[in-house]
Amino acid sequence: MDRLPAWMENLEDEDAAFIRRFVLASGSLKEMAAQYGVSYPTVRLRLDRLIQKIRLAEAIQADPYEALVKRLAVDDKLDFGTAKLLIREYRKTKEE
C-alpha cells in the first residue's frame, strides 16, 4: 500500500494512537477506559468524536466549507448551533 486512506491522512497522531489502542483492546471501551484511566463515558465521547472526524474527512471532497465548519464544531471551537446556522445559510447561497 503506497499511502494512507484519505480518512486517515488528516488524523492527529493522538487519534491514530487511540485507534491503535482500540484495535489492540479488541474494541473494548471498558478496557480503553482502564488504559487511559478515565470513565467509560469519556472514552465513548472520544470515540464518537473520532468517528465524526472520520466522517468529516470523507465529506471534505464533497464540500470543503461545510466540512471545515463541522470540524470546528467537533473540535469544540464552534458551538453546534452556530455550525448548523452557518451551514444552513451557506446552503441557501448555493441554491440561489
N, C-alpha and C. Protein backbone atom coordinates (compact mmCIF):
# COMPACT_ATOMS: atom_id res chain seq x y z
N MET A 1 0.85 -1.17 0.00
CA MET A 1 0.00 0.00 0.00
C MET A 1 0.90 1.23 0.00
N ASP A 2 0.70 2.11 -0.95
CA ASP A 2 1.57 3.27 -1.12
C ASP A 2 1.26 4.42 -0.18
N ARG A 3 0.00 4.61 0.17
CA ARG A 3 -0.35 5.74 1.02
C ARG A 3 -1.53 5.39 1.92
N LEU A 4 -1.74 6.25 2.88
CA LEU A 4 -2.85 6.05 3.81
C LEU A 4 -4.18 6.34 3.12
N PRO A 5 -5.25 5.72 3.58
CA PRO A 5 -6.57 6.09 3.05
C PRO A 5 -6.85 7.56 3.36
N ALA A 6 -7.65 8.19 2.55
CA ALA A 6 -7.93 9.62 2.71
C ALA A 6 -8.44 9.97 4.10
N TRP A 7 -9.26 9.10 4.70
CA TRP A 7 -9.83 9.40 6.01
C TRP A 7 -8.78 9.40 7.10
N MET A 8 -7.63 8.77 6.87
CA MET A 8 -6.58 8.72 7.88
C MET A 8 -5.54 9.83 7.73
N GLU A 9 -5.45 10.42 6.56
CA GLU A 9 -4.39 11.37 6.26
C GLU A 9 -4.36 12.57 7.19
N ASN A 10 -5.51 13.07 7.60
CA ASN A 10 -5.56 14.28 8.41
C ASN A 10 -5.77 14.03 9.90
N LEU A 11 -5.73 12.77 10.31
CA LEU A 11 -5.88 12.48 11.73
C LEU A 11 -4.60 12.88 12.47
N GLU A 12 -4.78 13.38 13.67
CA GLU A 12 -3.64 13.73 14.50
C GLU A 12 -3.01 12.45 15.03
N ASP A 13 -1.75 12.53 15.43
CA ASP A 13 -1.05 11.36 15.97
C ASP A 13 -1.80 10.77 17.15
N GLU A 14 -2.37 11.63 17.97
CA GLU A 14 -3.14 11.20 19.14
C GLU A 14 -4.34 10.35 18.73
N ASP A 15 -4.99 10.73 17.62
CA ASP A 15 -6.13 9.96 17.12
C ASP A 15 -5.69 8.60 16.60
N ALA A 16 -4.58 8.58 15.88
CA ALA A 16 -4.05 7.32 15.37
C ALA A 16 -3.67 6.39 16.52
N ALA A 17 -3.08 6.94 17.57
CA ALA A 17 -2.71 6.14 18.74
C ALA A 17 -3.97 5.57 19.41
N PHE A 18 -5.03 6.37 19.46
CA PHE A 18 -6.29 5.90 20.05
C PHE A 18 -6.84 4.73 19.23
N ILE A 19 -6.83 4.87 17.91
CA ILE A 19 -7.32 3.79 17.04
C ILE A 19 -6.51 2.52 17.26
N ARG A 20 -5.20 2.66 17.36
CA ARG A 20 -4.32 1.51 17.58
C ARG A 20 -4.67 0.82 18.89
N ARG A 21 -4.81 1.60 19.96
CA ARG A 21 -5.16 1.02 21.26
C ARG A 21 -6.53 0.37 21.22
N PHE A 22 -7.45 0.99 20.52
CA PHE A 22 -8.81 0.46 20.40
C PHE A 22 -8.79 -0.91 19.73
N VAL A 23 -8.04 -1.03 18.64
CA VAL A 23 -7.94 -2.30 17.93
C VAL A 23 -7.27 -3.35 18.82
N LEU A 24 -6.18 -2.98 19.49
CA LEU A 24 -5.48 -3.91 20.37
C LEU A 24 -6.32 -4.33 21.57
N ALA A 25 -7.27 -3.49 21.94
CA ALA A 25 -8.19 -3.82 23.04
C ALA A 25 -9.42 -4.56 22.52
N SER A 26 -9.37 -4.99 21.28
CA SER A 26 -10.48 -5.70 20.63
C SER A 26 -11.79 -4.90 20.69
N GLY A 27 -11.67 -3.60 20.65
CA GLY A 27 -12.85 -2.74 20.63
C GLY A 27 -13.53 -2.59 21.98
N SER A 28 -12.87 -2.99 23.04
CA SER A 28 -13.47 -2.90 24.38
C SER A 28 -13.30 -1.49 24.95
N LEU A 29 -14.40 -0.79 25.08
CA LEU A 29 -14.34 0.55 25.64
C LEU A 29 -14.01 0.50 27.13
N LYS A 30 -14.43 -0.56 27.80
CA LYS A 30 -14.09 -0.71 29.22
C LYS A 30 -12.58 -0.83 29.39
N GLU A 31 -11.96 -1.63 28.54
CA GLU A 31 -10.50 -1.78 28.61
C GLU A 31 -9.81 -0.46 28.27
N MET A 32 -10.34 0.25 27.27
CA MET A 32 -9.77 1.54 26.90
C MET A 32 -9.85 2.52 28.07
N ALA A 33 -10.98 2.53 28.75
CA ALA A 33 -11.15 3.42 29.90
C ALA A 33 -10.11 3.10 30.97
N ALA A 34 -9.88 1.81 31.21
CA ALA A 34 -8.88 1.40 32.20
C ALA A 34 -7.47 1.83 31.76
N GLN A 35 -7.15 1.67 30.49
CA GLN A 35 -5.83 2.04 29.98
C GLN A 35 -5.59 3.54 30.11
N TYR A 36 -6.60 4.32 29.80
CA TYR A 36 -6.45 5.78 29.87
C TYR A 36 -6.70 6.33 31.27
N GLY A 37 -7.26 5.51 32.15
CA GLY A 37 -7.55 5.97 33.50
C GLY A 37 -8.68 6.98 33.55
N VAL A 38 -9.68 6.78 32.69
CA VAL A 38 -10.84 7.67 32.63
C VAL A 38 -12.10 6.83 32.67
N SER A 39 -13.25 7.49 32.71
CA SER A 39 -14.52 6.77 32.76
C SER A 39 -14.92 6.25 31.38
N TYR A 40 -15.81 5.28 31.39
CA TYR A 40 -16.35 4.72 30.15
C TYR A 40 -16.98 5.82 29.28
N PRO A 41 -17.84 6.71 29.87
CA PRO A 41 -18.44 7.77 29.03
C PRO A 41 -17.40 8.69 28.39
N THR A 42 -16.28 8.90 29.06
CA THR A 42 -15.22 9.74 28.49
C THR A 42 -14.63 9.08 27.25
N VAL A 43 -14.38 7.78 27.33
CA VAL A 43 -13.85 7.05 26.18
C VAL A 43 -14.88 7.01 25.06
N ARG A 44 -16.15 6.81 25.42
CA ARG A 44 -17.23 6.78 24.43
C ARG A 44 -17.30 8.12 23.69
N LEU A 45 -17.19 9.22 24.42
CA LEU A 45 -17.20 10.55 23.81
C LEU A 45 -16.01 10.71 22.86
N ARG A 46 -14.85 10.26 23.29
CA ARG A 46 -13.65 10.34 22.45
C ARG A 46 -13.84 9.55 21.17
N LEU A 47 -14.41 8.35 21.28
CA LEU A 47 -14.65 7.53 20.11
C LEU A 47 -15.68 8.19 19.19
N ASP A 48 -16.74 8.75 19.77
CA ASP A 48 -17.75 9.44 18.96
C ASP A 48 -17.15 10.61 18.19
N ARG A 49 -16.28 11.35 18.84
CA ARG A 49 -15.64 12.49 18.16
C ARG A 49 -14.71 12.01 17.06
N LEU A 50 -14.03 10.91 17.29
CA LEU A 50 -13.15 10.34 16.27
C LEU A 50 -13.97 9.87 15.07
N ILE A 51 -15.10 9.25 15.34
CA ILE A 51 -15.99 8.83 14.26
C ILE A 51 -16.44 10.04 13.45
N GLN A 52 -16.79 11.14 14.14
CA GLN A 52 -17.20 12.35 13.44
C GLN A 52 -16.06 12.89 12.58
N LYS A 53 -14.82 12.86 13.10
CA LYS A 53 -13.67 13.34 12.33
C LYS A 53 -13.49 12.51 11.06
N ILE A 54 -13.67 11.21 11.17
CA ILE A 54 -13.52 10.33 10.00
C ILE A 54 -14.60 10.64 8.98
N ARG A 55 -15.82 10.82 9.44
CA ARG A 55 -16.91 11.17 8.52
C ARG A 55 -16.65 12.52 7.86
N LEU A 56 -16.12 13.46 8.62
CA LEU A 56 -15.81 14.77 8.06
C LEU A 56 -14.73 14.68 7.00
N ALA A 57 -13.73 13.86 7.25
CA ALA A 57 -12.65 13.68 6.29
C ALA A 57 -13.20 13.18 4.96
N GLU A 58 -14.17 12.29 5.05
CA GLU A 58 -14.79 11.76 3.83
C GLU A 58 -15.67 12.81 3.15
N ALA A 59 -16.22 13.75 3.94
CA ALA A 59 -17.10 14.77 3.38
C ALA A 59 -16.35 15.94 2.77
N ILE A 60 -15.08 16.08 3.10
CA ILE A 60 -14.29 17.23 2.62
C ILE A 60 -14.31 17.31 1.10
N GLN A 61 -14.23 16.16 0.45
CA GLN A 61 -14.23 16.17 -1.01
C GLN A 61 -15.54 16.71 -1.56
N ALA A 62 -16.64 16.46 -0.86
CA ALA A 62 -17.95 16.92 -1.33
C ALA A 62 -18.09 18.43 -1.17
N ASP A 63 -17.73 18.97 -0.01
CA ASP A 63 -17.85 20.41 0.23
C ASP A 63 -16.88 20.82 1.34
N PRO A 64 -15.74 21.39 0.97
CA PRO A 64 -14.72 21.75 1.96
C PRO A 64 -15.20 22.75 3.01
N TYR A 65 -16.05 23.71 2.64
CA TYR A 65 -16.53 24.70 3.61
C TYR A 65 -17.37 24.04 4.69
N GLU A 66 -18.34 23.23 4.28
CA GLU A 66 -19.18 22.55 5.26
C GLU A 66 -18.34 21.65 6.16
N ALA A 67 -17.38 20.97 5.58
CA ALA A 67 -16.51 20.09 6.37
C ALA A 67 -15.71 20.89 7.39
N LEU A 68 -15.24 22.07 7.01
CA LEU A 68 -14.49 22.91 7.94
C LEU A 68 -15.37 23.34 9.11
N VAL A 69 -16.58 23.79 8.83
CA VAL A 69 -17.49 24.22 9.89
C VAL A 69 -17.80 23.06 10.83
N LYS A 70 -18.06 21.90 10.26
CA LYS A 70 -18.35 20.72 11.08
C LYS A 70 -17.14 20.33 11.93
N ARG A 71 -15.95 20.40 11.34
CA ARG A 71 -14.73 20.05 12.08
C ARG A 71 -14.52 21.01 13.25
N LEU A 72 -14.78 22.30 13.04
CA LEU A 72 -14.65 23.27 14.12
C LEU A 72 -15.62 22.95 15.26
N ALA A 73 -16.82 22.49 14.90
CA ALA A 73 -17.80 22.13 15.93
C ALA A 73 -17.36 20.87 16.68
N VAL A 74 -16.87 19.89 15.96
CA VAL A 74 -16.41 18.64 16.59
C VAL A 74 -15.25 18.92 17.54
N ASP A 75 -14.38 19.85 17.16
CA ASP A 75 -13.21 20.19 17.99
C ASP A 75 -13.53 21.21 19.08
N ASP A 76 -14.82 21.51 19.27
CA ASP A 76 -15.27 22.47 20.29
C ASP A 76 -14.72 23.88 20.08
N LYS A 77 -14.45 24.24 18.85
CA LYS A 77 -14.00 25.59 18.54
C LYS A 77 -15.17 26.45 18.06
N LEU A 78 -16.32 25.80 17.87
CA LEU A 78 -17.53 26.45 17.41
C LEU A 78 -18.69 25.63 17.96
N ASP A 79 -19.70 26.29 18.52
CA ASP A 79 -20.80 25.50 19.07
C ASP A 79 -21.66 24.95 17.93
N PHE A 80 -22.36 23.83 18.22
CA PHE A 80 -23.12 23.14 17.18
C PHE A 80 -24.25 24.00 16.61
N GLY A 81 -24.89 24.81 17.45
CA GLY A 81 -25.95 25.68 16.95
C GLY A 81 -25.45 26.67 15.91
N THR A 82 -24.30 27.27 16.18
CA THR A 82 -23.70 28.20 15.23
C THR A 82 -23.28 27.48 13.96
N ALA A 83 -22.72 26.28 14.11
CA ALA A 83 -22.30 25.50 12.95
C ALA A 83 -23.50 25.19 12.05
N LYS A 84 -24.62 24.78 12.65
CA LYS A 84 -25.82 24.49 11.87
C LYS A 84 -26.31 25.73 11.14
N LEU A 85 -26.29 26.87 11.83
CA LEU A 85 -26.73 28.13 11.22
C LEU A 85 -25.84 28.49 10.03
N LEU A 86 -24.53 28.40 10.20
CA LEU A 86 -23.61 28.72 9.12
C LEU A 86 -23.83 27.81 7.91
N ILE A 87 -23.99 26.53 8.16
CA ILE A 87 -24.19 25.59 7.05
C ILE A 87 -25.52 25.84 6.36
N ARG A 88 -26.57 26.09 7.15
CA ARG A 88 -27.88 26.35 6.56
C ARG A 88 -27.83 27.59 5.66
N GLU A 89 -27.21 28.67 6.14
CA GLU A 89 -27.12 29.89 5.35
C GLU A 89 -26.23 29.70 4.12
N TYR A 90 -25.17 28.95 4.29
CA TYR A 90 -24.27 28.65 3.15
C TYR A 90 -25.01 27.90 2.07
N ARG A 91 -25.80 26.91 2.48
CA ARG A 91 -26.57 26.13 1.51
C ARG A 91 -27.59 27.00 0.76
N LYS A 92 -28.17 27.96 1.46
CA LYS A 92 -29.12 28.88 0.82
C LYS A 92 -28.42 29.67 -0.28
N THR A 93 -27.20 30.13 -0.03
CA THR A 93 -26.49 30.90 -1.05
C THR A 93 -26.10 30.03 -2.24
N LYS A 94 -25.87 28.75 -2.00
CA LYS A 94 -25.54 27.85 -3.10
C LYS A 94 -26.74 27.57 -3.99
N GLU A 95 -27.95 27.62 -3.39
CA GLU A 95 -29.17 27.34 -4.14
C GLU A 95 -29.57 28.51 -5.04
N GLU A 96 -29.11 29.70 -4.68
CA GLU A 96 -29.51 30.90 -5.44
C GLU A 96 -28.86 30.99 -6.78
